[in-house]
C-alpha atoms as a PDB file:
ATOM      1  CA  MET A   1    -158.619  76.109 -59.134  1.00  0.00           C
ATOM      2  CA  ILE A   2    -160.976  74.506 -56.035  1.00  0.00           C
ATOM      3  CA  SER A   3    -160.993  77.013 -53.176  1.00  0.00           C
ATOM      4  CA  ASP A   4    -160.064  75.772 -49.410  1.00  0.00           C
ATOM      5  CA  ARG A   5    -163.735  76.397 -48.524  1.00  0.00           C
ATOM      6  CA  LEU A   6    -164.911  73.824 -51.102  1.00  0.00           C
ATOM      7  CA  LYS A   7    -162.177  71.525 -50.270  1.00  0.00           C
ATOM      8  CA  SER A   8    -163.320  71.632 -46.747  1.00  0.00           C
ATOM      9  CA  SER A   9    -166.896  71.331 -47.578  1.00  0.00           C
ATOM     10  CA  LEU A  10    -166.160  68.118 -49.699  1.00  0.00           C
ATOM     11  CA  ARG A  11    -164.121  66.579 -46.984  1.00  0.00           C
ATOM     12  CA  GLN A  12    -166.679  67.256 -44.315  1.00  0.00           C
ATOM     13  CA  VAL A  13    -169.548  65.888 -46.304  1.00  0.00           C
ATOM     14  CA  PHE A  14    -167.306  62.848 -47.502  1.00  0.00           C
ATOM     15  CA  HIS A  15    -166.494  61.966 -43.747  1.00  0.00           C
ATOM     16  CA  GLU A  16    -170.143  62.332 -42.649  1.00  0.00           C
ATOM     17  CA  SER A  17    -171.571  60.674 -45.328  1.00  0.00           C
ATOM     18  CA  LEU A  18    -171.427  56.510 -45.649  1.00  0.00           C
ATOM     19  CA  MET A  19    -173.102  56.376 -49.097  1.00  0.00           C
ATOM     20  CA  ALA A  20    -170.566  58.648 -50.456  1.00  0.00           C
ATOM     21  CA  LYS A  21    -167.682  56.286 -49.365  1.00  0.00           C
ATOM     22  CA  VAL A  22    -169.820  53.260 -50.563  1.00  0.00           C
ATOM     23  CA  GLY A  23    -170.244  55.301 -54.375  1.00  0.00           C
ATOM     24  CA  LEU A  24    -166.549  56.211 -54.469  1.00  0.00           C
ATOM     25  CA  ALA A  25    -165.273  52.651 -53.380  1.00  0.00           C
ATOM     26  CA  ILE A  26    -167.503  51.256 -56.284  1.00  0.00           C
ATOM     27  CA  MET A  27    -166.395  53.699 -58.694  1.00  0.00           C
ATOM     28  CA  ILE A  28    -162.591  53.365 -58.018  1.00  0.00           C
ATOM     29  CA  VAL A  29    -163.125  49.393 -58.475  1.00  0.00           C
ATOM     30  CA  ILE A  30    -165.059  49.920 -61.837  1.00  0.00           C
ATOM     31  CA  LEU A  31    -162.111  52.497 -63.082  1.00  0.00           C
ATOM     32  CA  LEU A  32    -159.815  49.813 -62.146  1.00  0.00           C
ATOM     33  CA  MET A  33    -161.479  47.211 -64.040  1.00  0.00           C
ATOM     34  CA  ALA A  34    -161.713  49.529 -67.153  1.00  0.00           C
ATOM     35  CA  LEU A  35    -158.292  50.625 -67.044  1.00  0.00           C
ATOM     36  CA  PHE A  36    -156.531  47.379 -66.412  1.00  0.00           C
ATOM     37  CA  ALA A  37    -159.149  45.107 -68.278  1.00  0.00           C
ATOM     38  CA  PRO A  38    -156.307  43.543 -70.288  1.00  0.00           C
ATOM     39  CA  VAL A  39    -154.191  42.610 -67.145  1.00  0.00           C
ATOM     40  CA  LEU A  40    -157.156  41.428 -65.062  1.00  0.00           C
ATOM     41  CA  ALA A  41    -158.746  39.329 -67.896  1.00  0.00           C
ATOM     42  CA  THR A  42    -158.173  35.900 -67.673  1.00  0.00           C
ATOM     43  CA  HIS A  43    -159.293  35.203 -71.348  1.00  0.00           C
ATOM     44  CA  ASN A  44    -159.478  37.204 -74.416  1.00  0.00           C
ATOM     45  CA  PRO A  45    -163.092  38.503 -74.505  1.00  0.00           C
ATOM     46  CA  THR A  46    -163.749  37.666 -78.016  1.00  0.00           C
ATOM     47  CA  ASP A  47    -162.354  34.182 -77.814  1.00  0.00           C
ATOM     48  CA  GLN A  48    -165.103  31.589 -78.267  1.00  0.00           C
ATOM     49  CA  GLY A  49    -165.801  27.744 -77.568  1.00  0.00           C
ATOM     50  CA  SER A  50    -165.185  27.282 -74.215  1.00  0.00           C
ATOM     51  CA  TYR A  51    -168.250  24.656 -73.354  1.00  0.00           C
ATOM     52  CA  ASP A  52    -168.361  21.402 -71.385  1.00  0.00           C
ATOM     53  CA  GLU A  53    -167.977  17.956 -72.962  1.00  0.00           C
ATOM     54  CA  GLU A  54    -171.716  18.299 -73.941  1.00  0.00           C
ATOM     55  CA  GLY A  55    -171.694  21.598 -75.411  1.00  0.00           C
ATOM     56  CA  GLN A  56    -172.963  23.618 -72.310  1.00  0.00           C
ATOM     57  CA  PRO A  57    -171.613  27.043 -71.168  1.00  0.00           C
ATOM     58  CA  TYR A  58    -169.923  26.977 -67.904  1.00  0.00           C
ATOM     59  CA  PRO A  59    -171.760  28.292 -65.042  1.00  0.00           C
ATOM     60  CA  PRO A  60    -169.791  30.543 -62.383  1.00  0.00           C
ATOM     61  CA  TRP A  61    -167.620  29.005 -59.480  1.00  0.00           C
ATOM     62  CA  GLY A  62    -170.136  27.563 -56.880  1.00  0.00           C
ATOM     63  CA  VAL A  63    -172.599  26.974 -59.278  1.00  0.00           C
ATOM     64  CA  SER A  64    -174.046  24.150 -60.905  1.00  0.00           C
ATOM     65  CA  PHE A  65    -177.041  23.065 -63.344  1.00  0.00           C
ATOM     66  CA  GLU A  66    -179.098  20.443 -64.868  1.00  0.00           C
ATOM     67  CA  ALA A  67    -178.938  20.273 -68.453  1.00  0.00           C
ATOM     68  CA  SER A  68    -180.290  17.621 -71.200  1.00  0.00           C
ATOM     69  CA  ALA A  69    -178.439  16.668 -74.399  1.00  0.00           C
ATOM     70  CA  TRP A  70    -179.385  14.203 -77.128  1.00  0.00           C
ATOM     71  CA  GLU A  71    -177.586  10.872 -76.825  1.00  0.00           C
ATOM     72  CA  ASP A  72    -177.452   7.382 -78.426  1.00  0.00           C
ATOM     73  CA  THR A  73    -178.839   4.584 -76.154  1.00  0.00           C
ATOM     74  CA  ASP A  74    -179.915   0.965 -76.348  1.00  0.00           C
ATOM     75  CA  ASP A  75    -183.378   2.545 -76.903  1.00  0.00           C
ATOM     76  CA  GLY A  76    -182.733   4.664 -79.563  1.00  0.00           C
ATOM     77  CA  ARG A  77    -181.587   8.318 -79.456  1.00  0.00           C
ATOM     78  CA  GLU A  78    -182.865  10.063 -76.373  1.00  0.00           C
ATOM     79  CA  ARG A  79    -182.242  13.144 -74.204  1.00  0.00           C
ATOM     80  CA  VAL A  80    -180.378  12.464 -71.165  1.00  0.00           C
ATOM     81  CA  ALA A  81    -179.839  14.797 -68.254  1.00  0.00           C
ATOM     82  CA  HIS A  82    -176.463  15.530 -66.829  1.00  0.00           C
ATOM     83  CA  THR A  83    -175.002  18.065 -64.347  1.00  0.00           C
ATOM     84  CA  VAL A  84    -173.031  21.011 -65.723  1.00  0.00           C
ATOM     85  CA  GLU A  85    -169.963  21.954 -63.106  1.00  0.00           C
ATOM     86  CA  PRO A  86    -167.987  25.067 -63.069  1.00  0.00           C
ATOM     87  CA  SER A  87    -164.811  25.344 -64.706  1.00  0.00           C
ATOM     88  CA  GLU A  88    -161.583  26.368 -62.788  1.00  0.00           C
ATOM     89  CA  ASP A  89    -160.493  28.492 -65.735  1.00  0.00           C
ATOM     90  CA  HIS A  90    -163.613  30.527 -65.892  1.00  0.00           C
ATOM     91  CA  LEU A  91    -164.452  32.325 -62.515  1.00  0.00           C
ATOM     92  CA  LEU A  92    -167.816  33.953 -63.651  1.00  0.00           C
ATOM     93  CA  GLY A  93    -168.547  31.086 -66.377  1.00  0.00           C
ATOM     94  CA  THR A  94    -169.093  31.351 -70.088  1.00  0.00           C
ATOM     95  CA  ASN A  95    -171.808  32.781 -72.277  1.00  0.00           C
ATOM     96  CA  ASN A  96    -173.727  30.888 -75.142  1.00  0.00           C
ATOM     97  CA  LEU A  97    -170.576  31.458 -77.282  1.00  0.00           C
ATOM     98  CA  GLY A  98    -168.321  30.026 -74.920  1.00  0.00           C
ATOM     99  CA  GLN A  99    -166.761  33.543 -74.109  1.00  0.00           C
ATOM    100  CA  ASP A 100    -165.536  34.180 -70.841  1.00  0.00           C
ATOM    101  CA  VAL A 101    -167.951  36.690 -68.876  1.00  0.00           C
ATOM    102  CA  TYR A 102    -165.573  37.970 -66.298  1.00  0.00           C
ATOM    103  CA  SER A 103    -163.506  39.032 -68.969  1.00  0.00           C
ATOM    104  CA  ARG A 104    -166.238  40.614 -71.200  1.00  0.00           C
ATOM    105  CA  THR A 105    -167.576  42.305 -68.000  1.00  0.00           C
ATOM    106  CA  LEU A 106    -164.145  44.086 -67.745  1.00  0.00           C
ATOM    107  CA  PHE A 107    -163.682  45.288 -71.205  1.00  0.00           C
ATOM    108  CA  GLY A 108    -167.504  46.119 -71.335  1.00  0.00           C
ATOM    109  CA  ALA A 109    -166.760  48.657 -68.350  1.00  0.00           C
ATOM    110  CA  ARG A 110    -164.423  50.387 -70.843  1.00  0.00           C
ATOM    111  CA  THR A 111    -167.385  50.852 -73.342  1.00  0.00           C
ATOM    112  CA  SER A 112    -169.823  51.970 -70.452  1.00  0.00           C
ATOM    113  CA  LEU A 113    -167.586  54.522 -68.939  1.00  0.00           C
ATOM    114  CA  LEU A 114    -166.091  55.801 -72.345  1.00  0.00           C
ATOM    115  CA  VAL A 115    -169.468  56.514 -73.690  1.00  0.00           C
ATOM    116  CA  GLY A 116    -170.898  57.766 -70.562  1.00  0.00           C
ATOM    117  CA  ILE A 117    -168.158  60.175 -69.702  1.00  0.00           C
ATOM    118  CA  LEU A 118    -167.459  61.352 -73.154  1.00  0.00           C
ATOM    119  CA  GLY A 119    -171.258  61.644 -74.307  1.00  0.00           C
ATOM    120  CA  ALA A 120    -171.682  63.908 -70.899  1.00  0.00           C
ATOM    121  CA  THR A 121    -168.879  66.257 -71.845  1.00  0.00           C
ATOM    122  CA  ILE A 122    -169.844  66.799 -75.558  1.00  0.00           C
ATOM    123  CA  ALA A 123    -173.536  67.504 -74.476  1.00  0.00           C
ATOM    124  CA  ALA A 124    -172.174  69.900 -71.653  1.00  0.00           C
ATOM    125  CA  ALA A 125    -169.914  71.503 -74.080  1.00  0.00           C
ATOM    126  CA  PHE A 126    -172.793  72.311 -76.488  1.00  0.00           C
ATOM    127  CA  GLY A 127    -175.747  72.473 -73.842  1.00  0.00           C
ATOM    128  CA  VAL A 128    -174.084  74.961 -71.595  1.00  0.00           C
ATOM    129  CA  PRO A 129    -173.267  77.792 -73.798  1.00  0.00           C
ATOM    130  CA  TYR A 130    -176.472  77.526 -75.656  1.00  0.00           C
ATOM    131  CA  GLY A 131    -178.484  77.818 -72.160  1.00  0.00           C
ATOM    132  CA  LEU A 132    -176.368  80.546 -70.748  1.00  0.00           C
ATOM    133  CA  ILE A 133    -176.611  82.747 -74.135  1.00  0.00           C
ATOM    134  CA  SER A 134    -180.473  82.163 -73.811  1.00  0.00           C
ATOM    135  CA  GLY A 135    -180.803  82.912 -70.331  1.00  0.00           C
ATOM    136  CA  TYR A 136    -178.623  85.908 -70.273  1.00  0.00           C
ATOM    137  CA  TYR A 137    -180.131  87.767 -73.236  1.00  0.00           C
ATOM    138  CA  ARG A 138    -183.993  86.607 -72.523  1.00  0.00           C
ATOM    139  CA  GLY A 139    -186.712  88.054 -74.949  1.00  0.00           C
ATOM    140  CA  ARG A 140    -186.813  86.596 -78.526  1.00  0.00           C
ATOM    141  CA  ILE A 141    -183.320  84.793 -78.395  1.00  0.00           C
ATOM    142  CA  ASP A 142    -184.645  83.039 -75.313  1.00  0.00           C
ATOM    143  CA  ASP A 143    -187.918  82.214 -76.867  1.00  0.00           C
ATOM    144  CA  THR A 144    -186.254  80.881 -80.149  1.00  0.00           C
ATOM    145  CA  LEU A 145    -183.345  78.825 -78.571  1.00  0.00           C
ATOM    146  CA  MET A 146    -185.789  77.382 -75.864  1.00  0.00           C
ATOM    147  CA  ARG A 147    -188.244  76.384 -78.217  1.00  0.00           C
ATOM    148  CA  GLY A 148    -185.793  74.487 -80.152  1.00  0.00           C
ATOM    149  CA  ALA A 149    -184.780  72.616 -76.908  1.00  0.00           C
ATOM    150  CA  ASP A 150    -188.558  71.740 -76.438  1.00  0.00           C
ATOM    151  CA  ILE A 151    -188.811  70.249 -79.702  1.00  0.00           C
ATOM    152  CA  MET A 152    -185.825  67.770 -78.570  1.00  0.00           C
ATOM    153  CA  LEU A 153    -187.670  66.945 -75.323  1.00  0.00           C
ATOM    154  CA  ALA A 154    -190.726  66.121 -77.352  1.00  0.00           C
ATOM    155  CA  PHE A 155    -188.896  62.899 -78.682  1.00  0.00           C
ATOM    156  CA  PRO A 156    -188.340  59.976 -76.323  1.00  0.00           C
ATOM    157  CA  SER A 157    -184.734  59.764 -75.973  1.00  0.00           C
ATOM    158  CA  LEU A 158    -184.287  55.993 -76.844  1.00  0.00           C
ATOM    159  CA  VAL A 159    -186.391  56.456 -80.002  1.00  0.00           C
ATOM    160  CA  LEU A 160    -184.503  59.352 -81.045  1.00  0.00           C
ATOM    161  CA  ALA A 161    -181.496  57.983 -80.651  1.00  0.00           C
ATOM    162  CA  VAL A 162    -182.214  54.759 -82.591  1.00  0.00           C
ATOM    163  CA  ALA A 163    -183.473  57.156 -85.367  1.00  0.00           C
ATOM    164  CA  LEU A 164    -180.272  59.175 -85.260  1.00  0.00           C
ATOM    165  CA  ILE A 165    -177.936  56.066 -85.514  1.00  0.00           C
ATOM    166  CA  GLY A 166    -179.797  54.868 -88.440  1.00  0.00           C
ATOM    167  CA  VAL A 167    -179.199  58.069 -90.138  1.00  0.00           C
ATOM    168  CA  PHE A 168    -175.703  58.369 -89.402  1.00  0.00           C
ATOM    169  CA  GLY A 169    -174.467  54.268 -89.048  1.00  0.00           C
ATOM    170  CA  ARG A 170    -172.641  52.549 -86.673  1.00  0.00           C
ATOM    171  CA  GLY A 171    -169.505  54.652 -86.651  1.00  0.00           C
ATOM    172  CA  GLN A 172    -166.486  52.893 -84.526  1.00  0.00           C
ATOM    173  CA  ILE A 173    -163.418  54.276 -83.201  1.00  0.00           C
ATOM    174  CA  ALA A 174    -160.334  52.219 -82.334  1.00  0.00           C
ATOM    175  CA  ILE A 175    -158.487  53.548 -79.205  1.00  0.00           C
ATOM    176  CA  PRO A 176    -154.966  51.693 -78.946  1.00  0.00           C
ATOM    177  CA  ASP A 177    -154.359  50.079 -75.566  1.00  0.00           C
ATOM    178  CA  PRO A 178    -150.882  51.322 -74.569  1.00  0.00           C
ATOM    179  CA  ILE A 179    -150.809  47.979 -72.149  1.00  0.00           C
ATOM    180  CA  VAL A 180    -151.245  45.373 -75.119  1.00  0.00           C
ATOM    181  CA  ARG A 181    -149.150  47.459 -77.555  1.00  0.00           C
ATOM    182  CA  PHE A 182    -146.263  47.768 -75.386  1.00  0.00           C
ATOM    183  CA  GLY A 183    -145.973  43.929 -75.061  1.00  0.00           C
ATOM    184  CA  LEU A 184    -147.200  44.042 -71.143  1.00  0.00           C
ATOM    185  CA  VAL A 185    -149.691  41.394 -71.998  1.00  0.00           C
ATOM    186  CA  ASP A 186    -150.514  39.025 -74.698  1.00  0.00           C
ATOM    187  CA  GLY A 187    -153.534  37.665 -76.273  1.00  0.00           C
ATOM    188  CA  MET A 188    -155.577  40.419 -75.530  1.00  0.00           C
ATOM    189  CA  PRO A 189    -157.588  42.755 -77.948  1.00  0.00           C
ATOM    190  CA  GLU A 190    -154.997  45.631 -79.237  1.00  0.00           C
ATOM    191  CA  SER A 191    -157.574  48.574 -79.097  1.00  0.00           C
ATOM    192  CA  ALA A 192    -160.448  49.482 -77.258  1.00  0.00           C
ATOM    193  CA  ILE A 193    -163.432  50.074 -79.611  1.00  0.00           C
ATOM    194  CA  LEU A 194    -165.495  53.545 -78.784  1.00  0.00           C
ATOM    195  CA  PRO A 195    -168.823  53.460 -80.731  1.00  0.00           C
ATOM    196  CA  GLY A 196    -168.625  57.184 -82.150  1.00  0.00           C
ATOM    197  CA  THR A 197    -171.787  56.944 -83.741  1.00  0.00           C
ATOM    198  CA  VAL A 198    -173.639  56.276 -80.355  1.00  0.00           C
ATOM    199  CA  THR A 199    -171.437  58.608 -78.155  1.00  0.00           C
ATOM    200  CA  LEU A 200    -172.429  61.649 -80.510  1.00  0.00           C
ATOM    201  CA  VAL A 201    -175.837  60.444 -80.509  1.00  0.00           C
ATOM    202  CA  VAL A 202    -176.344  60.335 -76.738  1.00  0.00           C
ATOM    203  CA  ALA A 203    -174.505  63.733 -76.615  1.00  0.00           C
ATOM    204  CA  LEU A 204    -177.292  64.909 -79.044  1.00  0.00           C
ATOM    205  CA  VAL A 205    -179.932  63.436 -76.910  1.00  0.00           C
ATOM    206  CA  ASN A 206    -178.916  64.932 -73.712  1.00  0.00           C
ATOM    207  CA  TRP A 207    -177.469  68.284 -74.246  1.00  0.00           C
ATOM    208  CA  VAL A 208    -180.891  70.012 -73.708  1.00  0.00           C
ATOM    209  CA  TRP A 209    -180.729  69.078 -70.134  1.00  0.00           C
ATOM    210  CA  PHE A 210    -177.441  71.083 -69.574  1.00  0.00           C
ATOM    211  CA  ALA A 211    -179.237  74.016 -71.636  1.00  0.00           C
ATOM    212  CA  ARG A 212    -182.339  74.029 -69.392  1.00  0.00           C
ATOM    213  CA  VAL A 213    -179.979  73.957 -66.307  1.00  0.00           C
ATOM    214  CA  ALA A 214    -177.563  76.588 -67.594  1.00  0.00           C
ATOM    215  CA  ARG A 215    -180.796  79.010 -68.624  1.00  0.00           C
ATOM    216  CA  GLY A 216    -181.831  78.998 -65.346  1.00  0.00           C
ATOM    217  CA  GLU A 217    -178.680  79.847 -63.553  1.00  0.00           C
ATOM    218  CA  ALA A 218    -178.289  82.631 -66.291  1.00  0.00           C
ATOM    219  CA  LEU A 219    -181.519  84.388 -65.643  1.00  0.00           C
ATOM    220  CA  ALA A 220    -181.061  84.581 -61.885  1.00  0.00           C
ATOM    221  CA  ILE A 221    -177.284  85.564 -61.919  1.00  0.00           C
ATOM    222  CA  ARG A 222    -177.912  88.207 -64.736  1.00  0.00           C
ATOM    223  CA  SER A 223    -179.696  90.263 -62.269  1.00  0.00           C
ATOM    224  CA  GLU A 224    -177.099  90.254 -59.492  1.00  0.00           C
ATOM    225  CA  GLU A 225    -175.211  93.448 -58.472  1.00  0.00           C
ATOM    226  CA  TYR A 226    -171.598  92.225 -59.540  1.00  0.00           C
ATOM    227  CA  VAL A 227    -173.062  91.435 -62.945  1.00  0.00           C
ATOM    228  CA  LYS A 228    -174.454  95.106 -62.948  1.00  0.00           C
ATOM    229  CA  ALA A 229    -171.560  96.444 -61.805  1.00  0.00           C
ATOM    230  CA  ALA A 230    -169.169  94.781 -64.334  1.00  0.00           C
ATOM    231  CA  ARG A 231    -171.861  95.794 -67.252  1.00  0.00           C
ATOM    232  CA  SER A 232    -171.538  99.620 -66.170  1.00  0.00           C
ATOM    233  CA  MET A 233    -167.581  99.276 -66.124  1.00  0.00           C
ATOM    234  CA  GLY A 234    -167.915  98.673 -69.752  1.00  0.00           C
ATOM    235  CA  ALA A 235    -167.400  94.751 -69.489  1.00  0.00           C
ATOM    236  CA  SER A 236    -168.706  92.783 -72.698  1.00  0.00           C
ATOM    237  CA  ASP A 237    -171.107  90.513 -72.852  1.00  0.00           C
ATOM    238  CA  LEU A 238    -168.943  87.841 -73.615  1.00  0.00           C
ATOM    239  CA  THR A 239    -166.528  88.931 -70.670  1.00  0.00           C
ATOM    240  CA  ILE A 240    -169.600  88.973 -68.377  1.00  0.00           C
ATOM    241  CA  LEU A 241    -171.109  85.393 -69.627  1.00  0.00           C
ATOM    242  CA  ARG A 242    -167.188  83.737 -69.075  1.00  0.00           C
ATOM    243  CA  LYS A 243    -166.062  85.560 -65.815  1.00  0.00           C
ATOM    244  CA  HIS A 244    -169.149  85.843 -63.759  1.00  0.00           C
ATOM    245  CA  VAL A 245    -172.094  84.034 -65.036  1.00  0.00           C
ATOM    246  CA  LEU A 246    -170.431  80.809 -65.883  1.00  0.00           C
ATOM    247  CA  PRO A 247    -168.414  80.361 -62.872  1.00  0.00           C
ATOM    248  CA  ASN A 248    -171.371  80.995 -60.766  1.00  0.00           C
ATOM    249  CA  SER A 249    -173.110  78.408 -62.514  1.00  0.00           C
ATOM    250  CA  VAL A 250    -171.071  75.492 -62.216  1.00  0.00           C
ATOM    251  CA  THR A 251    -172.356  73.890 -59.019  1.00  0.00           C
ATOM    252  CA  PRO A 252    -175.752  72.613 -60.527  1.00  0.00           C
ATOM    253  CA  ILE A 253    -173.993  71.631 -63.901  1.00  0.00           C
ATOM    254  CA  ILE A 254    -171.510  69.426 -62.176  1.00  0.00           C
ATOM    255  CA  VAL A 255    -174.370  67.822 -60.188  1.00  0.00           C
ATOM    256  CA  LEU A 256    -176.295  67.299 -63.465  1.00  0.00           C
ATOM    257  CA  ALA A 257    -173.320  65.880 -65.381  1.00  0.00           C
ATOM    258  CA  THR A 258    -172.774  63.086 -62.806  1.00  0.00           C
ATOM    259  CA  ILE A 259    -176.585  62.528 -63.354  1.00  0.00           C
ATOM    260  CA  GLN A 260    -176.228  62.652 -67.086  1.00  0.00           C
ATOM    261  CA  VAL A 261    -173.156  60.112 -67.012  1.00  0.00           C
ATOM    262  CA  ALA A 262    -175.232  57.512 -65.352  1.00  0.00           C
ATOM    263  CA  ALA A 263    -178.200  58.381 -67.531  1.00  0.00           C
ATOM    264  CA  ILE A 264    -175.809  57.747 -70.748  1.00  0.00           C
ATOM    265  CA  ILE A 265    -174.804  54.576 -69.476  1.00  0.00           C
ATOM    266  CA  LEU A 266    -178.151  53.183 -69.147  1.00  0.00           C
ATOM    267  CA  LEU A 267    -178.994  54.412 -72.503  1.00  0.00           C
ATOM    268  CA  GLU A 268    -175.777  53.066 -73.995  1.00  0.00           C
ATOM    269  CA  ALA A 269    -176.802  49.638 -72.556  1.00  0.00           C
ATOM    270  CA  SER A 270    -180.321  50.128 -74.183  1.00  0.00           C
ATOM    271  CA  LEU A 271    -178.827  50.841 -77.485  1.00  0.00           C
ATOM    272  CA  ALA A 272    -176.570  47.795 -77.034  1.00  0.00           C
ATOM    273  CA  TYR A 273    -179.124  45.457 -76.209  1.00  0.00           C
ATOM    274  CA  LEU A 274    -181.107  46.344 -79.455  1.00  0.00           C
ATOM    275  CA  GLY A 275    -178.131  45.898 -81.360  1.00  0.00           C
ATOM    276  CA  PHE A 276    -177.271  49.795 -82.174  1.00  0.00           C
ATOM    277  CA  SER A 277    -173.918  50.184 -80.111  1.00  0.00           C
ATOM    278  CA  GLY A 278    -171.332  49.375 -82.666  1.00  0.00           C
ATOM    279  CA  THR A 279    -169.359  47.152 -80.707  1.00  0.00           C
ATOM    280  CA  THR A 280    -169.983  43.736 -78.831  1.00  0.00           C
ATOM    281  CA  LEU A 281    -167.872  44.249 -76.093  1.00  0.00           C
ATOM    282  CA  SER A 282    -170.887  46.164 -74.061  1.00  0.00           C
ATOM    283  CA  TRP A 283    -172.730  45.410 -70.956  1.00  0.00           C
ATOM    284  CA  GLY A 284    -175.721  45.695 -72.865  1.00  0.00           C
ATOM    285  CA  TYR A 285    -174.789  43.369 -75.831  1.00  0.00           C
ATOM    286  CA  ASP A 286    -174.095  40.488 -73.175  1.00  0.00           C
ATOM    287  CA  ILE A 287    -177.433  40.995 -71.512  1.00  0.00           C
ATOM    288  CA  TYR A 288    -178.947  40.489 -75.084  1.00  0.00           C
ATOM    289  CA  GLN A 289    -176.928  37.384 -75.385  1.00  0.00           C
ATOM    290  CA  GLY A 290    -178.318  35.659 -72.437  1.00  0.00           C
ATOM    291  CA  GLU A 291    -181.644  36.760 -72.752  1.00  0.00           C
ATOM    292  CA  ASP A 292    -182.719  33.383 -74.132  1.00  0.00           C
ATOM    293  CA  TYR A 293    -180.840  31.257 -71.560  1.00  0.00           C
ATOM    294  CA  LEU A 294    -182.173  33.065 -68.084  1.00  0.00           C
ATOM    295  CA  ARG A 295    -183.904  29.749 -67.121  1.00  0.00           C
ATOM    296  CA  ASN A 296    -180.613  28.011 -66.938  1.00  0.00           C
ATOM    297  CA  ALA A 297    -177.526  30.294 -67.615  1.00  0.00           C
ATOM    298  CA  TRP A 298    -179.052  33.096 -65.878  1.00  0.00           C
ATOM    299  CA  TRP A 299    -175.467  34.676 -64.977  1.00  0.00           C
ATOM    300  CA  ILE A 300    -174.816  35.259 -68.962  1.00  0.00           C
ATOM    301  CA  SER A 301    -177.455  38.342 -68.678  1.00  0.00           C
ATOM    302  CA  THR A 302    -177.202  38.686 -65.084  1.00  0.00           C
ATOM    303  CA  ILE A 303    -173.528  39.541 -64.307  1.00  0.00           C
ATOM    304  CA  PRO A 304    -173.522  42.551 -66.800  1.00  0.00           C
ATOM    305  CA  GLY A 305    -176.896  43.623 -65.422  1.00  0.00           C
ATOM    306  CA  ILE A 306    -175.541  43.854 -61.903  1.00  0.00           C
ATOM    307  CA  ALA A 307    -172.406  45.655 -63.482  1.00  0.00           C
ATOM    308  CA  ILE A 308    -174.629  48.272 -64.967  1.00  0.00           C
ATOM    309  CA  VAL A 309    -176.623  48.820 -61.619  1.00  0.00           C
ATOM    310  CA  LEU A 310    -173.318  49.260 -59.762  1.00  0.00           C
ATOM    311  CA  ALA A 311    -172.170  51.873 -61.935  1.00  0.00           C
ATOM    312  CA  VAL A 312    -175.347  53.565 -61.942  1.00  0.00           C
ATOM    313  CA  VAL A 313    -175.861  53.597 -58.384  1.00  0.00           C
ATOM    314  CA  SER A 314    -172.272  54.496 -57.576  1.00  0.00           C
ATOM    315  CA  ILE A 315    -172.413  57.730 -59.929  1.00  0.00           C
ATOM    316  CA  ASN A 316    -175.511  58.765 -58.465  1.00  0.00           C
ATOM    317  CA  LEU A 317    -173.962  58.622 -54.931  1.00  0.00           C
ATOM    318  CA  LEU A 318    -171.118  60.389 -55.866  1.00  0.00           C
ATOM    319  CA  GLY A 319    -173.669  63.192 -57.641  1.00  0.00           C
ATOM    320  CA  ASP A 320    -175.341  63.140 -54.105  1.00  0.00           C
ATOM    321  CA  TRP A 321    -172.072  63.950 -52.508  1.00  0.00           C
ATOM    322  CA  LEU A 322    -171.246  66.648 -54.589  1.00  0.00           C
ATOM    323  CA  ARG A 323    -174.496  68.265 -54.623  1.00  0.00           C
ATOM    324  CA  ASP A 324    -174.576  68.242 -50.452  1.00  0.00           C
ATOM    325  CA  ALA A 325    -171.107  69.540 -50.760  1.00  0.00           C
ATOM    326  CA  LEU A 326    -171.404  72.395 -53.617  1.00  0.00           C
ATOM    327  CA  ASP A 327    -174.755  73.781 -52.663  1.00  0.00           C
ATOM    328  CA  PRO A 328    -175.052  74.908 -48.686  1.00  0.00           C
ATOM    329  CA  ASN A 329    -178.689  75.368 -49.224  1.00  0.00           C
ATOM    330  CA  ILE A 330    -179.483  71.651 -49.512  1.00  0.00           C
ATOM    331  CA  GLU A 331    -179.755  69.286 -46.593  1.00  0.00           C
ATOM    332  CA  GLY A 332    -178.864  65.883 -47.624  1.00  0.00           C
ATOM    333  CA  GLU A 333    -177.405  62.656 -45.978  1.00  0.00           C
ATOM    334  CA  GLY A 334    -174.315  64.448 -45.753  1.00  0.00           C
ATOM    335  CA  GLY A 335    -175.953  66.753 -43.139  1.00  0.00           C
ATOM    336  CA  VAL A 336    -174.406  69.828 -44.131  1.00  0.00           C
END
């Protein structure tokens, strides 16, 4: 249960913080994009072949660019320049494969949010108990457990993630889309593809941050009077950890979780860009598709890149709001 005091603090900081409002508004839009992608999309994101008559990708509305193509003339075969105009059917243009960029951006939001939220949840589920046990018992147990965490920190996250994917392969999990399965829309993918291996790998790479934060909280809380009182009354270590240490460690863990969701979205995009995601409906993969076309067809990479920036910034803004509201000792933008 959320206490009335906490609800009041959340409301107060939210009303005082413009950045919190901006972050929440952006995140609501991205969530709606992901949830209702089959309804909002104008084309199947995997359909190919939408080019202009010269084989060039369509630009977004309001944009045109100069391109050249080989044509037969009286002087032989020459490259002739022509202007590529936007198509009424493609709001944000098409990519090098003739796929609708707007529709792919909508469906790419699903992959990023699924991997980000599930990855952070799995990392917290393992890292928090790990850190609490380490900090509560201290001594040899603490030394042994935290040396294992230090070994994980010794490897760069991206390098370790690539190595683990190389070991476990690119597993995929098909999640049925109820909007499509119930016939509410036609012509859209029937399942959302969750890159299962990537989700587990990003959790394995990031659990150590939860462990370190939880350990620090447990070290401080184990010396509190209410913990000593519970111990003197015969409470077991498991009971103390569950009823006293964990509840009083939640604040920094929640704040960390928001930061980790943003970090995991960036990591998943990096892996997709390198070809390790396991799905092509990913913002990172779309950036990779457009890297050779930045001079003329800049929107192929820029639009999914902007989507990543907006998602990460909005999550960080929400994390700042939660931090200011949950920790009265921090004076942030919210002014508490």
